[in-house]
Amino acid sequence: MTSAVVAYRASKKFAEIYAWDFVRDKTPHFDLVTLCPPMTFGPVAHPISSLESLNESNSALWKIATGHQPLPVARVPFWIDVRDLAEAHVSALLKPEVGDRRYVPGSPERFSYGLAAEIMVEEFPWARGKVAVKEQPVDESHGIDGETAAKELGFTYRTFRETVVDLISQLQNFEEKT
């Protein structure tokens, strides 16, 4: 039996393989650009009915903000702000010169959930004493090339601090209104 995490990752891989095979075999009148982002965090643009309906990535950060323990362990230390990923998608659509390319858009800044907790405590007075701060090492054992995506698609990565602060501010405002 395969875990849900492995199945999710496999679905992304096989979907991309199928897309490239389709373009190769069917030679459609369009090109293909694939974006393979790591963990995606950041403010939510669509309406949400409840904080329980957040996607898994943002939900993990919100759980930290609400004092959930223990802190999760990052499966991978790579991430991107959803707004940067949106810019990458638009650029991939509008720049013909990037056709038939594959990108891994990911910030050069690595993350851990311990770092997210530290940011919350530093930036939000209400988080002091509520958010569990635990030092977590950031995995430096391997890397990704996110700089090529930023350069060729023409965007700049936001900082992890900006992403965490903007998301938690938004969710805190949502919680106060409900």
Protein backbone atom coordinates (compact mmCIF):
# COMPACT_ATOMS: atom_id res chain seq x y z
CA MET A 1 0.00 0.00 0.00
CA THR A 2 1.35 3.41 -0.96
CA SER A 3 1.09 6.41 1.33
CA ALA A 4 -1.01 9.39 0.27
CA VAL A 5 2.13 11.54 0.02
CA VAL A 6 3.85 9.12 -2.36
CA ALA A 7 0.66 8.74 -4.42
CA TYR A 8 0.30 12.53 -4.67
CA ARG A 9 3.89 12.97 -5.81
CA ALA A 10 3.54 10.13 -8.31
CA SER A 11 0.38 11.67 -9.76
CA LYS A 12 2.26 14.89 -10.46
CA LYS A 13 5.12 13.02 -12.10
CA PHE A 14 2.91 10.84 -14.29
CA ALA A 15 0.72 13.78 -15.32
CA GLU A 16 3.81 15.64 -16.51
CA ILE A 17 5.14 12.59 -18.38
CA TYR A 18 1.77 12.17 -20.08
CA ALA A 19 1.72 15.86 -21.11
CA TRP A 20 5.18 15.62 -22.69
CA ASP A 21 4.26 12.33 -24.42
CA PHE A 22 1.07 13.93 -25.77
CA VAL A 23 2.98 16.87 -27.29
CA ARG A 24 5.60 14.52 -28.77
CA ASP A 25 3.08 12.04 -30.20
CA LYS A 26 0.23 14.32 -31.29
CA THR A 27 2.28 17.37 -32.38
CA PRO A 28 -0.47 19.84 -31.47
CA HIS A 29 -0.42 23.47 -32.60
CA PHE A 30 0.79 24.65 -29.23
CA ASP A 31 3.88 24.23 -27.12
CA LEU A 32 4.16 23.08 -23.54
CA VAL A 33 5.76 24.60 -20.47
CA THR A 34 5.65 22.65 -17.24
CA LEU A 35 6.05 24.22 -13.83
CA CYS A 36 6.89 21.79 -11.05
CA PRO A 37 6.75 23.80 -7.82
CA PRO A 38 7.60 22.51 -4.37
CA MET A 39 5.51 23.46 -1.29
CA THR A 40 3.32 26.44 -2.13
CA PHE A 41 2.40 28.92 0.59
CA GLY A 42 0.83 32.36 0.65
CA PRO A 43 -2.32 34.43 0.76
CA VAL A 44 -5.49 32.90 -0.60
CA ALA A 45 -7.10 34.71 -3.56
CA HIS A 46 -10.30 32.66 -3.77
CA PRO A 47 -13.07 32.80 -1.20
CA ILE A 48 -12.73 30.31 1.62
CA SER A 49 -15.71 29.06 3.59
CA SER A 50 -13.70 28.15 6.68
CA LEU A 51 -10.15 27.85 7.90
CA GLU A 52 -10.62 24.09 7.84
CA SER A 53 -10.93 24.29 4.04
CA LEU A 54 -7.39 25.61 3.51
CA ASN A 55 -5.06 23.64 1.27
CA GLU A 56 -2.57 21.38 3.04
CA SER A 57 0.42 23.75 2.76
CA ASN A 58 -1.32 26.82 4.19
CA SER A 59 -3.18 24.70 6.72
CA ALA A 60 0.15 23.55 8.19
CA LEU A 61 1.20 27.17 8.76
CA TRP A 62 -2.18 28.09 10.27
CA LYS A 63 -2.00 25.13 12.65
CA ILE A 64 1.35 26.44 13.87
CA ALA A 65 -0.19 29.89 14.38
CA THR A 66 -2.97 28.38 16.49
CA GLY A 67 -0.53 26.58 18.79
CA HIS A 68 -0.76 23.08 17.32
CA GLN A 69 2.03 20.81 18.56
CA PRO A 70 4.28 19.20 17.70
CA LEU A 71 5.51 21.23 14.77
CA PRO A 72 5.40 19.29 11.53
CA VAL A 73 8.65 18.29 9.87
CA ALA A 74 9.15 19.59 6.34
CA ARG A 75 9.29 16.71 3.87
CA VAL A 76 11.28 18.97 1.55
CA PRO A 77 12.88 22.33 2.42
CA PHE A 78 11.81 23.96 -0.86
CA TRP A 79 8.89 26.32 -1.31
CA ILE A 80 7.42 29.11 -3.40
CA ASP A 81 4.98 31.91 -2.67
CA VAL A 82 1.71 31.35 -4.53
CA ARG A 83 1.95 34.90 -5.95
CA ASP A 84 5.36 34.15 -7.45
CA LEU A 85 3.99 30.91 -8.89
CA ALA A 86 1.10 32.86 -10.45
CA GLU A 87 3.60 35.22 -12.08
CA ALA A 88 5.53 32.23 -13.41
CA HIS A 89 2.34 30.79 -14.94
CA VAL A 90 1.45 34.06 -16.68
CA SER A 91 4.98 34.49 -18.01
CA ALA A 92 5.07 30.90 -19.26
CA LEU A 93 1.90 31.64 -21.19
CA LEU A 94 3.03 34.99 -22.62
CA LYS A 95 6.70 34.35 -23.46
CA PRO A 96 7.00 32.25 -26.64
CA GLU A 97 10.74 31.81 -26.10
CA VAL A 98 10.14 29.59 -23.06
CA GLY A 99 8.01 27.08 -24.95
CA ASP A 100 8.87 23.41 -24.57
CA ARG A 101 10.69 24.03 -21.29
CA ARG A 102 10.41 22.51 -17.84
CA TYR A 103 10.94 24.64 -14.74
CA VAL A 104 11.13 24.00 -11.02
CA PRO A 105 10.18 27.39 -9.60
CA GLY A 106 11.33 27.40 -6.01
CA SER A 107 12.78 30.06 -3.77
CA PRO A 108 16.52 29.90 -3.11
CA GLU A 109 15.60 30.43 0.57
CA ARG A 110 14.84 27.11 2.29
CA PHE A 111 12.28 26.72 5.04
CA SER A 112 11.36 24.69 8.08
CA TYR A 113 8.21 24.87 10.16
CA GLY A 114 10.42 25.90 13.08
CA LEU A 115 11.46 28.94 11.05
CA ALA A 116 7.79 29.70 10.34
CA ALA A 117 7.05 29.56 14.08
CA GLU A 118 9.96 31.91 14.83
CA ILE A 119 8.66 34.41 12.25
CA MET A 120 5.18 34.30 13.76
CA VAL A 121 6.48 34.96 17.26
CA GLU A 122 8.68 37.81 16.02
CA GLU A 123 5.98 39.45 13.88
CA PHE A 124 2.76 38.92 15.85
CA PRO A 125 2.59 39.87 19.54
CA TRP A 126 -0.42 37.55 20.03
CA ALA A 127 1.75 34.58 18.98
CA ARG A 128 4.17 34.92 21.90
CA GLY A 129 3.44 32.14 24.35
CA LYS A 130 0.91 30.59 21.96
CA VAL A 131 3.08 29.41 19.08
CA ALA A 132 5.47 26.58 19.88
CA VAL A 133 8.97 27.59 18.88
CA LYS A 134 11.28 24.67 18.32
CA GLU A 135 14.55 24.86 16.48
CA GLN A 136 14.45 22.62 13.45
CA PRO A 137 17.42 22.10 11.19
CA VAL A 138 16.88 23.07 7.57
CA ASP A 139 17.75 20.28 5.16
CA GLU A 140 20.78 21.40 3.15
CA SER A 141 21.58 17.96 1.71
CA HIS A 142 20.34 18.70 -1.80
CA GLY A 143 19.03 21.56 -3.91
CA ILE A 144 16.89 22.66 -6.81
CA ASP A 145 17.47 25.19 -9.57
CA GLY A 146 14.77 27.79 -9.02
CA GLU A 147 16.93 30.64 -10.30
CA THR A 148 16.54 29.61 -13.95
CA ALA A 149 12.75 29.86 -13.65
CA ALA A 150 12.96 33.30 -12.03
CA LYS A 151 15.42 34.59 -14.63
CA GLU A 152 13.78 33.19 -17.75
CA LEU A 153 10.20 33.83 -16.62
CA GLY A 154 11.05 37.28 -15.22
CA PHE A 155 9.98 37.28 -11.59
CA THR A 156 11.60 37.74 -8.18
CA TYR A 157 10.99 35.44 -5.23
CA ARG A 158 9.39 36.85 -2.13
CA THR A 159 10.99 36.08 1.21
CA PHE A 160 9.64 33.36 3.46
CA ARG A 161 9.03 36.02 6.12
CA GLU A 162 6.84 38.06 3.74
CA THR A 163 4.90 34.96 2.72
CA VAL A 164 4.28 33.84 6.31
CA VAL A 165 3.33 37.32 7.52
CA ASP A 166 0.95 37.98 4.62
CA LEU A 167 -0.76 34.60 4.97
CA ILE A 168 -1.12 34.65 8.75
CA SER A 169 -2.37 38.27 8.67
CA GLN A 170 -5.01 37.31 6.12
CA LEU A 171 -6.13 34.23 8.03
CA GLN A 172 -6.18 36.08 11.34
CA ASN A 173 -8.45 38.75 9.77
CA PHE A 174 -10.68 35.99 8.38
CA GLU A 175 -10.92 34.33 11.80
CA GLU A 176 -11.79 37.64 13.49
CA LYS A 177 -14.64 38.22 11.01
CA THR A 178 -16.19 34.77 11.45
